[in-house]
Amino acid sequence: FKLENQRRKPFHLLHIKIGVSIIAIGFVTMFIQKAWRSTAFGLYGYLNFTKSGFQEHSKKFKEEDMQVQIQGKNCLVTGANSGIGYATAEGLAKRGGNVYMVCRSKERGEAAVTKIQSDTGNQNVFLEVCDLSSISEVKSFASRFSSKDQPLHILVNNAGILKHNRNTTSEGLELNFAVNVAGTYALTETMVPLLEKAAPDARVITVSSGGMYTTPLTKDLQFAESNFDGTLQYARNKRVQVALTEKWTETYGNKGISFYSMHPGWAETPGVTKSLPDFSKS
């Protein structure tokens, strides 16, 4: 028995050494992959997502495509009182759409609606108050909005947040995930019947981010299995939005609803200034 144990011991040590080596190689590989993703995205973003990138790509824009009119089309834009959401709502209003601005703050929302009405001359701009971090609020809003019994031609899922500390909503969801994923998902799903009414002209556009290229999909949607990183969670959320867009296309594409995800470029917005101040400066 003692002899057999002595014979086995070197093999046990060898197995342990091999196991440790595999784990070490795995960590090194993950580090290299993460560094490569960040570097490649940073370089690609610098060339394509900055002001100079916009100017270069704008040469390929067709002016007539940008001047389309959408009189009578009903448009719903989330996170619409500032930044990209505000610019989107204003652009739709300029083109004659009936624009419903979904905002969390009643005061800021009212100010944004008044300004867009004044600047565009379009009085068919309306405020809808809803906190997308609350699934129950999203459902209540969807019920109210659906009672209008009108088709929804354009849904822009723009609302998003980046919180660096882990916070949990009253419904038990991590806050970034609640707004960026759960709220977006719940709103889109509840709007499908109204979107069907607008088929084949129905469009769902989800404002994702090129930051999603820095991370793969993960099952840890609530970021509960490791030390919380708000920037990484935001990137994960944006990756999920793109995956959801693919899934929605698969599920509802035959109903005359078109689904898109997009990256708006690195824009100077209040959200970026607040959440990523150093990045905003550069």
C-alpha atoms as a PDB file:
ATOM      1  CA  PHE A   1       0.000   0.000   0.000  1.00  0.00           C
ATOM      2  CA  LYS A   2       2.824   2.399   0.914  1.00  0.00           C
ATOM      3  CA  LEU A   3       4.650   1.514  -2.297  1.00  0.00           C
ATOM      4  CA  GLU A   4       1.504   2.093  -4.376  1.00  0.00           C
ATOM      5  CA  ASN A   5       0.991   5.515  -2.725  1.00  0.00           C
ATOM      6  CA  GLN A   6       4.566   6.505  -3.492  1.00  0.00           C
ATOM      7  CA  ARG A   7       4.082   5.490  -7.097  1.00  0.00           C
ATOM      8  CA  ARG A   8       0.938   7.585  -7.423  1.00  0.00           C
ATOM      9  CA  LYS A   9       2.288  10.700  -5.722  1.00  0.00           C
ATOM     10  CA  PRO A  10       4.330  12.034  -8.673  1.00  0.00           C
ATOM     11  CA  PHE A  11       1.329  11.572 -10.971  1.00  0.00           C
ATOM     12  CA  HIS A  12      -0.900  13.514  -8.554  1.00  0.00           C
ATOM     13  CA  LEU A  13       1.649  16.334  -8.462  1.00  0.00           C
ATOM     14  CA  LEU A  14       1.888  16.250 -12.243  1.00  0.00           C
ATOM     15  CA  HIS A  15      -1.913  16.529 -12.540  1.00  0.00           C
ATOM     16  CA  ILE A  16      -1.903  19.491 -10.134  1.00  0.00           C
ATOM     17  CA  LYS A  17       0.887  21.238 -12.041  1.00  0.00           C
ATOM     18  CA  ILE A  18      -0.882  20.691 -15.356  1.00  0.00           C
ATOM     19  CA  GLY A  19      -4.153  21.990 -13.861  1.00  0.00           C
ATOM     20  CA  VAL A  20      -2.477  25.117 -12.490  1.00  0.00           C
ATOM     21  CA  SER A  21      -0.756  25.692 -15.816  1.00  0.00           C
ATOM     22  CA  ILE A  22      -4.046  25.410 -17.722  1.00  0.00           C
ATOM     23  CA  ILE A  23      -5.711  27.880 -15.346  1.00  0.00           C
ATOM     24  CA  ALA A  24      -2.763  30.287 -15.703  1.00  0.00           C
ATOM     25  CA  ILE A  25      -2.891  30.018 -19.494  1.00  0.00           C
ATOM     26  CA  GLY A  26      -6.638  30.688 -19.335  1.00  0.00           C
ATOM     27  CA  PHE A  27      -6.154  33.880 -17.310  1.00  0.00           C
ATOM     28  CA  VAL A  28      -3.374  35.087 -19.628  1.00  0.00           C
ATOM     29  CA  THR A  29      -5.545  34.356 -22.668  1.00  0.00           C
ATOM     30  CA  MET A  30      -8.493  36.249 -21.155  1.00  0.00           C
ATOM     31  CA  PHE A  31      -6.218  39.201 -20.340  1.00  0.00           C
ATOM     32  CA  ILE A  32      -4.818  39.282 -23.883  1.00  0.00           C
ATOM     33  CA  GLN A  33      -8.326  39.023 -25.383  1.00  0.00           C
ATOM     34  CA  LYS A  34      -9.604  41.860 -23.200  1.00  0.00           C
ATOM     35  CA  ALA A  35      -6.595  44.046 -23.987  1.00  0.00           C
ATOM     36  CA  TRP A  36      -6.960  43.303 -27.692  1.00  0.00           C
ATOM     37  CA  ARG A  37     -10.688  44.106 -27.691  1.00  0.00           C
ATOM     38  CA  SER A  38     -10.133  47.419 -25.919  1.00  0.00           C
ATOM     39  CA  THR A  39      -7.211  48.443 -28.138  1.00  0.00           C
ATOM     40  CA  ALA A  40      -8.930  47.446 -31.382  1.00  0.00           C
ATOM     41  CA  PHE A  41     -12.155  49.176 -30.354  1.00  0.00           C
ATOM     42  CA  GLY A  42     -10.288  52.314 -29.291  1.00  0.00           C
ATOM     43  CA  LEU A  43      -8.434  52.542 -32.604  1.00  0.00           C
ATOM     44  CA  TYR A  44     -11.531  51.755 -34.671  1.00  0.00           C
ATOM     45  CA  GLY A  45     -13.575  54.220 -32.629  1.00  0.00           C
ATOM     46  CA  TYR A  46     -11.023  56.985 -33.005  1.00  0.00           C
ATOM     47  CA  LEU A  47     -11.118  56.595 -36.781  1.00  0.00           C
ATOM     48  CA  ASN A  48     -14.865  56.140 -37.175  1.00  0.00           C
ATOM     49  CA  PHE A  49     -16.871  57.360 -34.167  1.00  0.00           C
ATOM     50  CA  THR A  50     -15.373  60.809 -33.581  1.00  0.00           C
ATOM     51  CA  LYS A  51     -16.220  64.091 -35.318  1.00  0.00           C
ATOM     52  CA  SER A  52     -13.691  63.412 -38.084  1.00  0.00           C
ATOM     53  CA  GLY A  53     -15.228  59.973 -38.596  1.00  0.00           C
ATOM     54  CA  PHE A  54     -18.675  61.524 -38.920  1.00  0.00           C
ATOM     55  CA  GLN A  55     -17.413  64.061 -41.433  1.00  0.00           C
ATOM     56  CA  GLU A  56     -15.797  61.335 -43.516  1.00  0.00           C
ATOM     57  CA  HIS A  57     -18.872  59.061 -43.495  1.00  0.00           C
ATOM     58  CA  SER A  58     -21.230  61.980 -44.154  1.00  0.00           C
ATOM     59  CA  LYS A  59     -19.741  62.249 -47.637  1.00  0.00           C
ATOM     60  CA  LYS A  60     -21.664  59.087 -48.477  1.00  0.00           C
ATOM     61  CA  PHE A  61     -25.005  60.388 -47.168  1.00  0.00           C
ATOM     62  CA  LYS A  62     -27.683  61.018 -49.749  1.00  0.00           C
ATOM     63  CA  GLU A  63     -29.320  64.351 -48.980  1.00  0.00           C
ATOM     64  CA  GLU A  64     -32.705  63.140 -50.232  1.00  0.00           C
ATOM     65  CA  ASP A  65     -32.619  60.232 -47.781  1.00  0.00           C
ATOM     66  CA  MET A  66     -32.175  62.694 -44.919  1.00  0.00           C
ATOM     67  CA  GLN A  67     -35.118  64.860 -45.992  1.00  0.00           C
ATOM     68  CA  VAL A  68     -37.844  62.208 -45.731  1.00  0.00           C
ATOM     69  CA  GLN A  69     -41.174  63.464 -44.330  1.00  0.00           C
ATOM     70  CA  ILE A  70     -43.247  61.430 -41.872  1.00  0.00           C
ATOM     71  CA  GLN A  71     -46.466  63.394 -41.428  1.00  0.00           C
ATOM     72  CA  GLY A  72     -49.038  61.359 -39.532  1.00  0.00           C
ATOM     73  CA  LYS A  73     -46.511  58.780 -38.297  1.00  0.00           C
ATOM     74  CA  ASN A  74     -46.580  58.105 -34.553  1.00  0.00           C
ATOM     75  CA  CYS A  75     -43.131  58.032 -32.954  1.00  0.00           C
ATOM     76  CA  LEU A  76     -42.156  57.012 -29.411  1.00  0.00           C
ATOM     77  CA  VAL A  77     -38.701  58.024 -28.118  1.00  0.00           C
ATOM     78  CA  THR A  78     -37.400  57.021 -24.681  1.00  0.00           C
ATOM     79  CA  GLY A  79     -34.933  59.124 -22.697  1.00  0.00           C
ATOM     80  CA  ALA A  80     -35.993  62.070 -24.833  1.00  0.00           C
ATOM     81  CA  ASN A  81     -35.417  65.131 -22.659  1.00  0.00           C
ATOM     82  CA  SER A  82     -31.668  65.477 -23.385  1.00  0.00           C
ATOM     83  CA  GLY A  83     -28.758  64.244 -25.462  1.00  0.00           C
ATOM     84  CA  ILE A  84     -29.309  61.833 -28.313  1.00  0.00           C
ATOM     85  CA  GLY A  85     -32.944  61.218 -27.322  1.00  0.00           C
ATOM     86  CA  TYR A  86     -33.717  64.927 -27.520  1.00  0.00           C
ATOM     87  CA  ALA A  87     -31.980  65.265 -30.901  1.00  0.00           C
ATOM     88  CA  THR A  88     -33.935  62.268 -32.175  1.00  0.00           C
ATOM     89  CA  ALA A  89     -37.282  63.634 -30.982  1.00  0.00           C
ATOM     90  CA  GLU A  90     -36.488  67.038 -32.486  1.00  0.00           C
ATOM     91  CA  GLY A  91     -35.475  65.466 -35.812  1.00  0.00           C
ATOM     92  CA  LEU A  92     -38.692  63.439 -35.999  1.00  0.00           C
ATOM     93  CA  ALA A  93     -40.747  66.512 -35.101  1.00  0.00           C
ATOM     94  CA  LYS A  94     -39.038  68.568 -37.836  1.00  0.00           C
ATOM     95  CA  ARG A  95     -40.097  65.926 -40.335  1.00  0.00           C
ATOM     96  CA  GLY A  96     -43.743  66.162 -39.292  1.00  0.00           C
ATOM     97  CA  GLY A  97     -44.097  63.149 -37.025  1.00  0.00           C
ATOM     98  CA  ASN A  98     -46.371  62.890 -33.999  1.00  0.00           C
ATOM     99  CA  VAL A  99     -43.709  62.547 -31.316  1.00  0.00           C
ATOM    100  CA  TYR A 100     -44.250  61.046 -27.851  1.00  0.00           C
ATOM    101  CA  MET A 101     -41.302  61.798 -25.590  1.00  0.00           C
ATOM    102  CA  VAL A 102     -40.899  59.248 -22.787  1.00  0.00           C
ATOM    103  CA  CYS A 103     -39.071  60.878 -19.859  1.00  0.00           C
ATOM    104  CA  ARG A 104     -38.511  59.973 -16.218  1.00  0.00           C
ATOM    105  CA  SER A 105     -38.678  63.600 -15.017  1.00  0.00           C
ATOM    106  CA  LYS A 106     -41.953  65.449 -15.582  1.00  0.00           C
ATOM    107  CA  GLU A 107     -40.304  68.867 -15.182  1.00  0.00           C
ATOM    108  CA  ARG A 108     -37.400  68.244 -17.572  1.00  0.00           C
ATOM    109  CA  GLY A 109     -39.733  66.501 -19.981  1.00  0.00           C
ATOM    110  CA  GLU A 110     -42.164  69.428 -20.102  1.00  0.00           C
ATOM    111  CA  ALA A 111     -39.298  71.866 -20.760  1.00  0.00           C
ATOM    112  CA  ALA A 112     -37.991  69.682 -23.601  1.00  0.00           C
ATOM    113  CA  VAL A 113     -41.436  69.329 -25.196  1.00  0.00           C
ATOM    114  CA  THR A 114     -42.023  73.103 -25.086  1.00  0.00           C
ATOM    115  CA  LYS A 115     -38.650  73.832 -26.681  1.00  0.00           C
ATOM    116  CA  ILE A 116     -39.115  71.316 -29.506  1.00  0.00           C
ATOM    117  CA  GLN A 117     -42.608  72.623 -30.229  1.00  0.00           C
ATOM    118  CA  SER A 118     -41.228  76.151 -30.379  1.00  0.00           C
ATOM    119  CA  ASP A 119     -38.147  75.315 -32.479  1.00  0.00           C
ATOM    120  CA  THR A 120     -39.900  73.059 -35.007  1.00  0.00           C
ATOM    121  CA  GLY A 121     -43.373  74.608 -35.145  1.00  0.00           C
ATOM    122  CA  ASN A 122     -44.797  71.102 -34.673  1.00  0.00           C
ATOM    123  CA  GLN A 123     -47.371  71.102 -31.889  1.00  0.00           C
ATOM    124  CA  ASN A 124     -47.874  67.336 -32.091  1.00  0.00           C
ATOM    125  CA  VAL A 125     -45.135  66.689 -29.540  1.00  0.00           C
ATOM    126  CA  PHE A 126     -46.270  65.123 -26.287  1.00  0.00           C
ATOM    127  CA  LEU A 127     -44.814  64.102 -22.930  1.00  0.00           C
ATOM    128  CA  GLU A 128     -45.183  60.608 -21.497  1.00  0.00           C
ATOM    129  CA  VAL A 129     -43.775  60.161 -17.982  1.00  0.00           C
ATOM    130  CA  CYS A 130     -42.312  56.747 -17.213  1.00  0.00           C
ATOM    131  CA  ASP A 131     -39.334  55.422 -15.249  1.00  0.00           C
ATOM    132  CA  LEU A 132     -37.906  52.602 -17.362  1.00  0.00           C
ATOM    133  CA  SER A 133     -36.081  51.110 -14.368  1.00  0.00           C
ATOM    134  CA  SER A 134     -39.465  49.918 -13.087  1.00  0.00           C
ATOM    135  CA  ILE A 135     -41.133  47.090 -14.996  1.00  0.00           C
ATOM    136  CA  SER A 136     -44.444  47.828 -13.268  1.00  0.00           C
ATOM    137  CA  GLU A 137     -44.252  51.470 -14.452  1.00  0.00           C
ATOM    138  CA  VAL A 138     -43.451  50.335 -17.988  1.00  0.00           C
ATOM    139  CA  LYS A 139     -46.499  48.079 -17.975  1.00  0.00           C
ATOM    140  CA  SER A 140     -48.711  50.876 -16.621  1.00  0.00           C
ATOM    141  CA  PHE A 141     -47.432  53.277 -19.266  1.00  0.00           C
ATOM    142  CA  ALA A 142     -47.921  50.693 -22.021  1.00  0.00           C
ATOM    143  CA  SER A 143     -51.506  50.185 -20.883  1.00  0.00           C
ATOM    144  CA  ARG A 144     -52.186  53.944 -20.959  1.00  0.00           C
ATOM    145  CA  PHE A 145     -50.542  54.416 -24.312  1.00  0.00           C
ATOM    146  CA  SER A 146     -52.299  51.415 -25.841  1.00  0.00           C
ATOM    147  CA  SER A 147     -55.658  52.883 -24.839  1.00  0.00           C
ATOM    148  CA  LYS A 148     -55.110  55.512 -27.564  1.00  0.00           C
ATOM    149  CA  ASP A 149     -55.729  52.601 -29.957  1.00  0.00           C
ATOM    150  CA  GLN A 150     -53.464  54.009 -32.654  1.00  0.00           C
ATOM    151  CA  PRO A 151     -50.641  52.443 -34.665  1.00  0.00           C
ATOM    152  CA  LEU A 152     -47.058  52.967 -33.557  1.00  0.00           C
ATOM    153  CA  HIS A 153     -44.798  53.501 -36.545  1.00  0.00           C
ATOM    154  CA  ILE A 154     -41.478  54.222 -34.844  1.00  0.00           C
ATOM    155  CA  LEU A 155     -40.157  53.125 -31.451  1.00  0.00           C
ATOM    156  CA  VAL A 156     -36.714  54.437 -30.524  1.00  0.00           C
ATOM    157  CA  ASN A 157     -35.253  52.661 -27.495  1.00  0.00           C
ATOM    158  CA  ASN A 158     -32.780  55.362 -26.520  1.00  0.00           C
ATOM    159  CA  ALA A 159     -32.986  55.617 -22.708  1.00  0.00           C
ATOM    160  CA  GLY A 160     -29.889  54.330 -20.967  1.00  0.00           C
ATOM    161  CA  ILE A 161     -27.751  54.824 -17.876  1.00  0.00           C
ATOM    162  CA  LEU A 162     -24.263  54.007 -16.657  1.00  0.00           C
ATOM    163  CA  LYS A 163     -23.978  53.813 -12.871  1.00  0.00           C
ATOM    164  CA  HIS A 164     -20.558  52.916 -11.472  1.00  0.00           C
ATOM    165  CA  ASN A 165     -21.825  51.609  -8.134  1.00  0.00           C
ATOM    166  CA  ARG A 166     -24.086  48.592  -7.883  1.00  0.00           C
ATOM    167  CA  ASN A 167     -27.628  49.664  -7.007  1.00  0.00           C
ATOM    168  CA  THR A 168     -30.721  47.483  -6.899  1.00  0.00           C
ATOM    169  CA  THR A 169     -34.238  48.604  -7.815  1.00  0.00           C
ATOM    170  CA  SER A 170     -37.285  47.939  -5.631  1.00  0.00           C
ATOM    171  CA  GLU A 171     -38.035  45.049  -7.998  1.00  0.00           C
ATOM    172  CA  GLY A 172     -34.669  43.436  -7.265  1.00  0.00           C
ATOM    173  CA  LEU A 173     -32.882  44.283 -10.517  1.00  0.00           C
ATOM    174  CA  GLU A 174     -29.412  45.796 -10.863  1.00  0.00           C
ATOM    175  CA  LEU A 175     -30.108  49.376 -11.947  1.00  0.00           C
ATOM    176  CA  ASN A 176     -28.086  49.510 -15.186  1.00  0.00           C
ATOM    177  CA  PHE A 177     -29.604  46.214 -16.320  1.00  0.00           C
ATOM    178  CA  ALA A 178     -33.080  47.361 -15.282  1.00  0.00           C
ATOM    179  CA  VAL A 179     -33.030  50.433 -17.563  1.00  0.00           C
ATOM    180  CA  ASN A 180     -30.814  49.300 -20.428  1.00  0.00           C
ATOM    181  CA  VAL A 181     -32.147  45.776 -20.840  1.00  0.00           C
ATOM    182  CA  ALA A 182     -35.209  44.865 -18.772  1.00  0.00           C
ATOM    183  CA  GLY A 183     -37.042  48.160 -19.338  1.00  0.00           C
ATOM    184  CA  THR A 184     -36.162  48.210 -23.032  1.00  0.00           C
ATOM    185  CA  TYR A 185     -37.298  44.613 -23.415  1.00  0.00           C
ATOM    186  CA  ALA A 186     -40.561  45.125 -21.523  1.00  0.00           C
ATOM    187  CA  LEU A 187     -41.470  48.274 -23.450  1.00  0.00           C
ATOM    188  CA  THR A 188     -40.750  46.733 -26.853  1.00  0.00           C
ATOM    189  CA  GLU A 189     -42.694  43.569 -26.097  1.00  0.00           C
ATOM    190  CA  THR A 190     -45.740  45.494 -24.846  1.00  0.00           C
ATOM    191  CA  MET A 191     -45.685  47.740 -27.933  1.00  0.00           C
ATOM    192  CA  VAL A 192     -45.742  44.865 -30.450  1.00  0.00           C
ATOM    193  CA  PRO A 193     -49.559  44.974 -30.947  1.00  0.00           C
ATOM    194  CA  LEU A 194     -49.398  48.713 -31.769  1.00  0.00           C
ATOM    195  CA  LEU A 195     -46.414  48.167 -34.031  1.00  0.00           C
ATOM    196  CA  GLU A 196     -48.364  45.482 -35.865  1.00  0.00           C
ATOM    197  CA  LYS A 197     -51.053  48.074 -36.571  1.00  0.00           C
ATOM    198  CA  ALA A 198     -48.415  50.124 -38.425  1.00  0.00           C
ATOM    199  CA  ALA A 199     -47.051  47.200 -40.456  1.00  0.00           C
ATOM    200  CA  PRO A 200     -45.274  47.113 -42.835  1.00  0.00           C
ATOM    201  CA  ASP A 201     -44.012  50.591 -41.881  1.00  0.00           C
ATOM    202  CA  ALA A 202     -43.211  49.756 -38.247  1.00  0.00           C
ATOM    203  CA  ARG A 203     -39.646  50.331 -37.067  1.00  0.00           C
ATOM    204  CA  VAL A 204     -37.950  49.578 -33.749  1.00  0.00           C
ATOM    205  CA  ILE A 205     -34.542  51.227 -33.385  1.00  0.00           C
ATOM    206  CA  THR A 206     -32.467  50.431 -30.301  1.00  0.00           C
ATOM    207  CA  VAL A 207     -29.601  52.789 -29.533  1.00  0.00           C
ATOM    208  CA  SER A 208     -26.832  50.413 -28.523  1.00  0.00           C
ATOM    209  CA  SER A 209     -23.120  51.262 -28.347  1.00  0.00           C
ATOM    210  CA  GLY A 210     -19.913  50.207 -30.011  1.00  0.00           C
ATOM    211  CA  GLY A 211     -18.703  49.594 -26.463  1.00  0.00           C
ATOM    212  CA  MET A 212     -20.429  46.237 -26.729  1.00  0.00           C
ATOM    213  CA  TYR A 213     -17.492  45.044 -28.873  1.00  0.00           C
ATOM    214  CA  THR A 214     -15.315  45.014 -25.744  1.00  0.00           C
ATOM    215  CA  THR A 215     -17.202  42.145 -24.104  1.00  0.00           C
ATOM    216  CA  PRO A 216     -18.948  38.900 -25.087  1.00  0.00           C
ATOM    217  CA  LEU A 217     -22.420  37.850 -23.986  1.00  0.00           C
ATOM    218  CA  THR A 218     -22.610  36.576 -20.418  1.00  0.00           C
ATOM    219  CA  LYS A 219     -25.207  34.730 -18.354  1.00  0.00           C
ATOM    220  CA  ASP A 220     -24.388  36.958 -15.351  1.00  0.00           C
ATOM    221  CA  LEU A 221     -26.871  39.618 -16.437  1.00  0.00           C
ATOM    222  CA  GLN A 222     -27.123  41.161 -12.954  1.00  0.00           C
ATOM    223  CA  PHE A 223     -23.323  41.291 -12.508  1.00  0.00           C
ATOM    224  CA  ALA A 224     -23.598  39.426  -9.217  1.00  0.00           C
ATOM    225  CA  GLU A 225     -20.798  36.891  -9.677  1.00  0.00           C
ATOM    226  CA  SER A 226     -17.765  39.212  -9.519  1.00  0.00           C
ATOM    227  CA  ASN A 227     -16.708  42.674  -8.350  1.00  0.00           C
ATOM    228  CA  PHE A 228     -19.052  45.182  -9.944  1.00  0.00           C
ATOM    229  CA  ASP A 229     -17.760  47.311 -12.817  1.00  0.00           C
ATOM    230  CA  GLY A 230     -20.311  49.817 -14.100  1.00  0.00           C
ATOM    231  CA  THR A 231     -18.543  50.490 -17.392  1.00  0.00           C
ATOM    232  CA  LEU A 232     -18.268  46.764 -18.124  1.00  0.00           C
ATOM    233  CA  GLN A 233     -21.909  46.236 -17.134  1.00  0.00           C
ATOM    234  CA  TYR A 234     -22.948  48.984 -19.557  1.00  0.00           C
ATOM    235  CA  ALA A 235     -20.989  47.277 -22.347  1.00  0.00           C
ATOM    236  CA  ARG A 236     -22.601  43.937 -21.462  1.00  0.00           C
ATOM    237  CA  ASN A 237     -26.053  45.554 -21.533  1.00  0.00           C
ATOM    238  CA  LYS A 238     -25.361  46.985 -24.969  1.00  0.00           C
ATOM    239  CA  ARG A 239     -24.252  43.580 -26.229  1.00  0.00           C
ATOM    240  CA  VAL A 240     -27.543  42.120 -24.971  1.00  0.00           C
ATOM    241  CA  GLN A 241     -29.493  44.847 -26.809  1.00  0.00           C
ATOM    242  CA  VAL A 242     -27.934  43.764 -30.103  1.00  0.00           C
ATOM    243  CA  ALA A 243     -28.728  40.120 -29.343  1.00  0.00           C
ATOM    244  CA  LEU A 244     -32.319  41.094 -28.481  1.00  0.00           C
ATOM    245  CA  THR A 245     -32.635  42.909 -31.810  1.00  0.00           C
ATOM    246  CA  GLU A 246     -31.639  39.709 -33.615  1.00  0.00           C
ATOM    247  CA  LYS A 247     -34.131  37.716 -31.534  1.00  0.00           C
ATOM    248  CA  TRP A 248     -36.960  40.190 -32.143  1.00  0.00           C
ATOM    249  CA  THR A 249     -36.295  40.032 -35.881  1.00  0.00           C
ATOM    250  CA  GLU A 250     -36.524  36.263 -35.721  1.00  0.00           C
ATOM    251  CA  THR A 251     -39.720  36.360 -33.651  1.00  0.00           C
ATOM    252  CA  TYR A 252     -41.658  39.287 -35.145  1.00  0.00           C
ATOM    253  CA  GLY A 253     -40.021  39.953 -38.512  1.00  0.00           C
ATOM    254  CA  ASN A 254     -42.856  38.206 -40.340  1.00  0.00           C
ATOM    255  CA  LYS A 255     -45.359  40.605 -38.763  1.00  0.00           C
ATOM    256  CA  GLY A 256     -44.178  43.595 -40.805  1.00  0.00           C
ATOM    257  CA  ILE A 257     -41.987  45.069 -38.045  1.00  0.00           C
ATOM    258  CA  SER A 258     -38.357  45.923 -38.790  1.00  0.00           C
ATOM    259  CA  PHE A 259     -35.815  45.871 -35.948  1.00  0.00           C
ATOM    260  CA  TYR A 260     -32.513  47.739 -35.901  1.00  0.00           C
ATOM    261  CA  SER A 261     -29.693  48.300 -33.427  1.00  0.00           C
ATOM    262  CA  MET A 262     -27.228  51.127 -33.977  1.00  0.00           C
ATOM    263  CA  HIS A 263     -24.253  52.995 -32.565  1.00  0.00           C
ATOM    264  CA  PRO A 264     -24.632  56.793 -32.675  1.00  0.00           C
ATOM    265  CA  GLY A 265     -20.918  57.579 -32.523  1.00  0.00           C
ATOM    266  CA  TRP A 266     -19.106  59.182 -29.603  1.00  0.00           C
ATOM    267  CA  ALA A 267     -21.386  62.122 -28.943  1.00  0.00           C
ATOM    268  CA  GLU A 268     -20.956  64.924 -26.439  1.00  0.00           C
ATOM    269  CA  THR A 269     -24.053  64.493 -24.287  1.00  0.00           C
ATOM    270  CA  PRO A 270     -24.945  65.207 -20.630  1.00  0.00           C
ATOM    271  CA  GLY A 271     -25.028  61.458 -20.012  1.00  0.00           C
ATOM    272  CA  VAL A 272     -21.458  60.950 -21.213  1.00  0.00           C
ATOM    273  CA  THR A 273     -20.217  63.991 -19.305  1.00  0.00           C
ATOM    274  CA  LYS A 274     -21.759  62.690 -16.078  1.00  0.00           C
ATOM    275  CA  SER A 275     -20.914  58.993 -16.416  1.00  0.00           C
ATOM    276  CA  LEU A 276     -17.545  59.132 -18.214  1.00  0.00           C
ATOM    277  CA  PRO A 277     -16.030  62.560 -17.470  1.00  0.00           C
ATOM    278  CA  ASP A 278     -12.458  61.688 -18.520  1.00  0.00           C
ATOM    279  CA  PHE A 279     -13.667  60.097 -21.742  1.00  0.00           C
ATOM    280  CA  SER A 280     -15.904  63.092 -22.366  1.00  0.00           C
ATOM    281  CA  LYS A 281     -12.919  65.471 -22.125  1.00  0.00           C
ATOM    282  CA  SER A 282     -10.889  63.455 -24.641  1.00  0.00           C
END
